[in-house]
Amino acid sequence: MSIIFSLIGGRTVVRPTTVQKMATVFNEWRTLVRCQKPV
């Protein structure tokens, strides 16, 4: 998880569009969590 967060942080720093990035990152993060947590 730390690695993923680090990549996201780097992307956010490089890209000033935080709002759009946040939405995309949030969707990706939610998908990863769902994949890791099989209900």
PDB file of N, CA and C in Angstrom:
ATOM      1  N   MET A   1       0.831  -1.198   0.000  1.00  0.00           N
ATOM      2  CA  MET A   1       0.000   0.000   0.000  1.00  0.00           C
ATOM      3  C   MET A   1       0.874   1.260   0.000  1.00  0.00           C
ATOM      4  N   SER A   2       1.961   1.213   0.743  1.00  0.00           N
ATOM      5  CA  SER A   2       2.844   2.381   0.829  1.00  0.00           C
ATOM      6  C   SER A   2       3.375   2.745  -0.555  1.00  0.00           C
ATOM      7  N   ILE A   3       3.744   1.725  -1.329  1.00  0.00           N
ATOM      8  CA  ILE A   3       4.288   1.975  -2.664  1.00  0.00           C
ATOM      9  C   ILE A   3       3.246   2.679  -3.522  1.00  0.00           C
ATOM     10  N   ILE A   4       2.007   2.201  -3.469  1.00  0.00           N
ATOM     11  CA  ILE A   4       0.937   2.801  -4.267  1.00  0.00           C
ATOM     12  C   ILE A   4       0.758   4.259  -3.871  1.00  0.00           C
ATOM     13  N   PHE A   5       0.737   4.513  -2.562  1.00  0.00           N
ATOM     14  CA  PHE A   5       0.559   5.890  -2.085  1.00  0.00           C
ATOM     15  C   PHE A   5       1.708   6.770  -2.565  1.00  0.00           C
ATOM     16  N   SER A   6       2.920   6.217  -2.571  1.00  0.00           N
ATOM     17  CA  SER A   6       4.079   6.989  -3.014  1.00  0.00           C
ATOM     18  C   SER A   6       3.912   7.382  -4.481  1.00  0.00           C
ATOM     19  N   LEU A   7       3.477   6.432  -5.304  1.00  0.00           N
ATOM     20  CA  LEU A   7       3.273   6.723  -6.719  1.00  0.00           C
ATOM     21  C   LEU A   7       2.213   7.797  -6.887  1.00  0.00           C
ATOM     22  N   ILE A   8       1.125   7.679  -6.129  1.00  0.00           N
ATOM     23  CA  ILE A   8       0.050   8.665  -6.209  1.00  0.00           C
ATOM     24  C   ILE A   8       0.584  10.036  -5.815  1.00  0.00           C
ATOM     25  N   GLY A   9       1.382  10.076  -4.738  1.00  0.00           N
ATOM     26  CA  GLY A   9       1.945  11.348  -4.277  1.00  0.00           C
ATOM     27  C   GLY A   9       2.794  11.986  -5.362  1.00  0.00           C
ATOM     28  N   GLY A  10       3.647  11.190  -6.010  1.00  0.00           N
ATOM     29  CA  GLY A  10       4.493  11.718  -7.073  1.00  0.00           C
ATOM     30  C   GLY A  10       3.652  12.274  -8.205  1.00  0.00           C
ATOM     31  N   ARG A  11       2.621  11.547  -8.580  1.00  0.00           N
ATOM     32  CA  ARG A  11       1.744  11.998  -9.659  1.00  0.00           C
ATOM     33  C   ARG A  11       1.095  13.327  -9.299  1.00  0.00           C
ATOM     34  N   THR A  12       0.602  13.414  -8.064  1.00  0.00           N
ATOM     35  CA  THR A  12      -0.083  14.632  -7.636  1.00  0.00           C
ATOM     36  C   THR A  12       0.866  15.820  -7.684  1.00  0.00           C
ATOM     37  N   VAL A  13       2.112  15.594  -7.258  1.00  0.00           N
ATOM     38  CA  VAL A  13       3.083  16.689  -7.246  1.00  0.00           C
ATOM     39  C   VAL A  13       3.370  17.150  -8.673  1.00  0.00           C
ATOM     40  N   VAL A  14       3.520  16.193  -9.584  1.00  0.00           N
ATOM     41  CA  VAL A  14       3.841  16.538 -10.972  1.00  0.00           C
ATOM     42  C   VAL A  14       2.652  17.212 -11.640  1.00  0.00           C
ATOM     43  N   ARG A  15       1.464  16.736 -11.297  1.00  0.00           N
ATOM     44  CA  ARG A  15       0.264  17.252 -11.952  1.00  0.00           C
ATOM     45  C   ARG A  15      -0.497  18.197 -11.018  1.00  0.00           C
ATOM     46  N   PRO A  16      -0.665  19.460 -11.425  1.00  0.00           N
ATOM     47  CA  PRO A  16      -1.366  20.434 -10.584  1.00  0.00           C
ATOM     48  C   PRO A  16      -2.865  20.167 -10.505  1.00  0.00           C
ATOM     49  N   THR A  17      -3.390  19.414 -11.463  1.00  0.00           N
ATOM     50  CA  THR A  17      -4.833  19.137 -11.451  1.00  0.00           C
ATOM     51  C   THR A  17      -5.120  18.138 -10.342  1.00  0.00           C
ATOM     52  N   THR A  18      -5.252  18.654  -9.131  1.00  0.00           N
ATOM     53  CA  THR A  18      -5.448  17.766  -7.984  1.00  0.00           C
ATOM     54  C   THR A  18      -6.845  17.174  -7.974  1.00  0.00           C
ATOM     55  N   VAL A  19      -7.832  17.980  -8.285  1.00  0.00           N
ATOM     56  CA  VAL A  19      -9.219  17.509  -8.214  1.00  0.00           C
ATOM     57  C   VAL A  19      -9.425  16.322  -9.138  1.00  0.00           C
ATOM     58  N   GLN A  20      -9.057  16.488 -10.404  1.00  0.00           N
ATOM     59  CA  GLN A  20      -9.265  15.401 -11.360  1.00  0.00           C
ATOM     60  C   GLN A  20      -8.450  14.177 -10.969  1.00  0.00           C
ATOM     61  N   LYS A  21      -7.200  14.412 -10.572  1.00  0.00           N
ATOM     62  CA  LYS A  21      -6.340  13.297 -10.183  1.00  0.00           C
ATOM     63  C   LYS A  21      -6.932  12.575  -8.990  1.00  0.00           C
ATOM     64  N   MET A  22      -7.426  13.356  -8.027  1.00  0.00           N
ATOM     65  CA  MET A  22      -8.003  12.763  -6.816  1.00  0.00           C
ATOM     66  C   MET A  22      -9.120  11.804  -7.186  1.00  0.00           C
ATOM     67  N   ALA A  23      -9.991  12.235  -8.099  1.00  0.00           N
ATOM     68  CA  ALA A  23     -11.116  11.388  -8.503  1.00  0.00           C
ATOM     69  C   ALA A  23     -10.601  10.094  -9.125  1.00  0.00           C
ATOM     70  N   THR A  24      -9.649  10.214 -10.038  1.00  0.00           N
ATOM     71  CA  THR A  24      -9.109   9.026 -10.699  1.00  0.00           C
ATOM     72  C   THR A  24      -8.414   8.117  -9.698  1.00  0.00           C
ATOM     73  N   VAL A  25      -7.595   8.706  -8.862  1.00  0.00           N
ATOM     74  CA  VAL A  25      -6.860   7.921  -7.859  1.00  0.00           C
ATOM     75  C   VAL A  25      -7.834   7.233  -6.918  1.00  0.00           C
ATOM     76  N   PHE A  26      -8.871   7.964  -6.513  1.00  0.00           N
ATOM     77  CA  PHE A  26      -9.847   7.391  -5.587  1.00  0.00           C
ATOM     78  C   PHE A  26     -10.512   6.177  -6.217  1.00  0.00           C
ATOM     79  N   ASN A  27     -10.888   6.293  -7.488  1.00  0.00           N
ATOM     80  CA  ASN A  27     -11.526   5.170  -8.177  1.00  0.00           C
ATOM     81  C   ASN A  27     -10.573   3.982  -8.261  1.00  0.00           C
ATOM     82  N   GLU A  28      -9.327   4.259  -8.634  1.00  0.00           N
ATOM     83  CA  GLU A  28      -8.336   3.176  -8.733  1.00  0.00           C
ATOM     84  C   GLU A  28      -8.111   2.534  -7.368  1.00  0.00           C
ATOM     85  N   TRP A  29      -7.985   3.372  -6.330  1.00  0.00           N
ATOM     86  CA  TRP A  29      -7.735   2.854  -4.987  1.00  0.00           C
ATOM     87  C   TRP A  29      -8.890   1.977  -4.539  1.00  0.00           C
ATOM     88  N   ARG A  30     -10.120   2.429  -4.809  1.00  0.00           N
ATOM     89  CA  ARG A  30     -11.289   1.648  -4.415  1.00  0.00           C
ATOM     90  C   ARG A  30     -11.287   0.303  -5.133  1.00  0.00           C
ATOM     91  N   THR A  31     -10.911   0.315  -6.409  1.00  0.00           N
ATOM     92  CA  THR A  31     -10.867  -0.940  -7.167  1.00  0.00           C
ATOM     93  C   THR A  31      -9.829  -1.885  -6.562  1.00  0.00           C
ATOM     94  N   LEU A  32      -8.660  -1.330  -6.209  1.00  0.00           N
ATOM     95  CA  LEU A  32      -7.605  -2.163  -5.623  1.00  0.00           C
ATOM     96  C   LEU A  32      -8.076  -2.758  -4.306  1.00  0.00           C
ATOM     97  N   VAL A  33      -8.732  -1.944  -3.496  1.00  0.00           N
ATOM     98  CA  VAL A  33      -9.218  -2.428  -2.198  1.00  0.00           C
ATOM     99  C   VAL A  33     -10.225  -3.546  -2.416  1.00  0.00           C
ATOM    100  N   ARG A  34     -11.095  -3.375  -3.393  1.00  0.00           N
ATOM    101  CA  ARG A  34     -12.106  -4.403  -3.672  1.00  0.00           C
ATOM    102  C   ARG A  34     -11.433  -5.697  -4.104  1.00  0.00           C
ATOM    103  N   CYS A  35     -10.412  -5.582  -4.944  1.00  0.00           N
ATOM    104  CA  CYS A  35      -9.707  -6.775  -5.428  1.00  0.00           C
ATOM    105  C   CYS A  35      -9.003  -7.474  -4.267  1.00  0.00           C
ATOM    106  N   GLN A  36      -8.432  -6.683  -3.364  1.00  0.00           N
ATOM    107  CA  GLN A  36      -7.699  -7.274  -2.243  1.00  0.00           C
ATOM    108  C   GLN A  36      -8.652  -7.851  -1.209  1.00  0.00           C
ATOM    109  N   LYS A  37      -9.860  -7.276  -1.117  1.00  0.00           N
ATOM    110  CA  LYS A  37     -10.814  -7.745  -0.099  1.00  0.00           C
ATOM    111  C   LYS A  37     -11.971  -8.469  -0.771  1.00  0.00           C
ATOM    112  N   PRO A  38     -11.828  -9.760  -1.024  1.00  0.00           N
ATOM    113  CA  PRO A  38     -12.906 -10.530  -1.657  1.00  0.00           C
ATOM    114  C   PRO A  38     -14.046 -10.773  -0.676  1.00  0.00           C
ATOM    115  N   VAL A  39     -15.192 -10.177  -0.968  1.00  0.00           N
ATOM    116  CA  VAL A  39     -16.345 -10.315  -0.069  1.00  0.00           C
ATOM    117  C   VAL A  39     -17.102 -11.594  -0.412  1.00  0.00           C
TER     118      VAL A  39
END
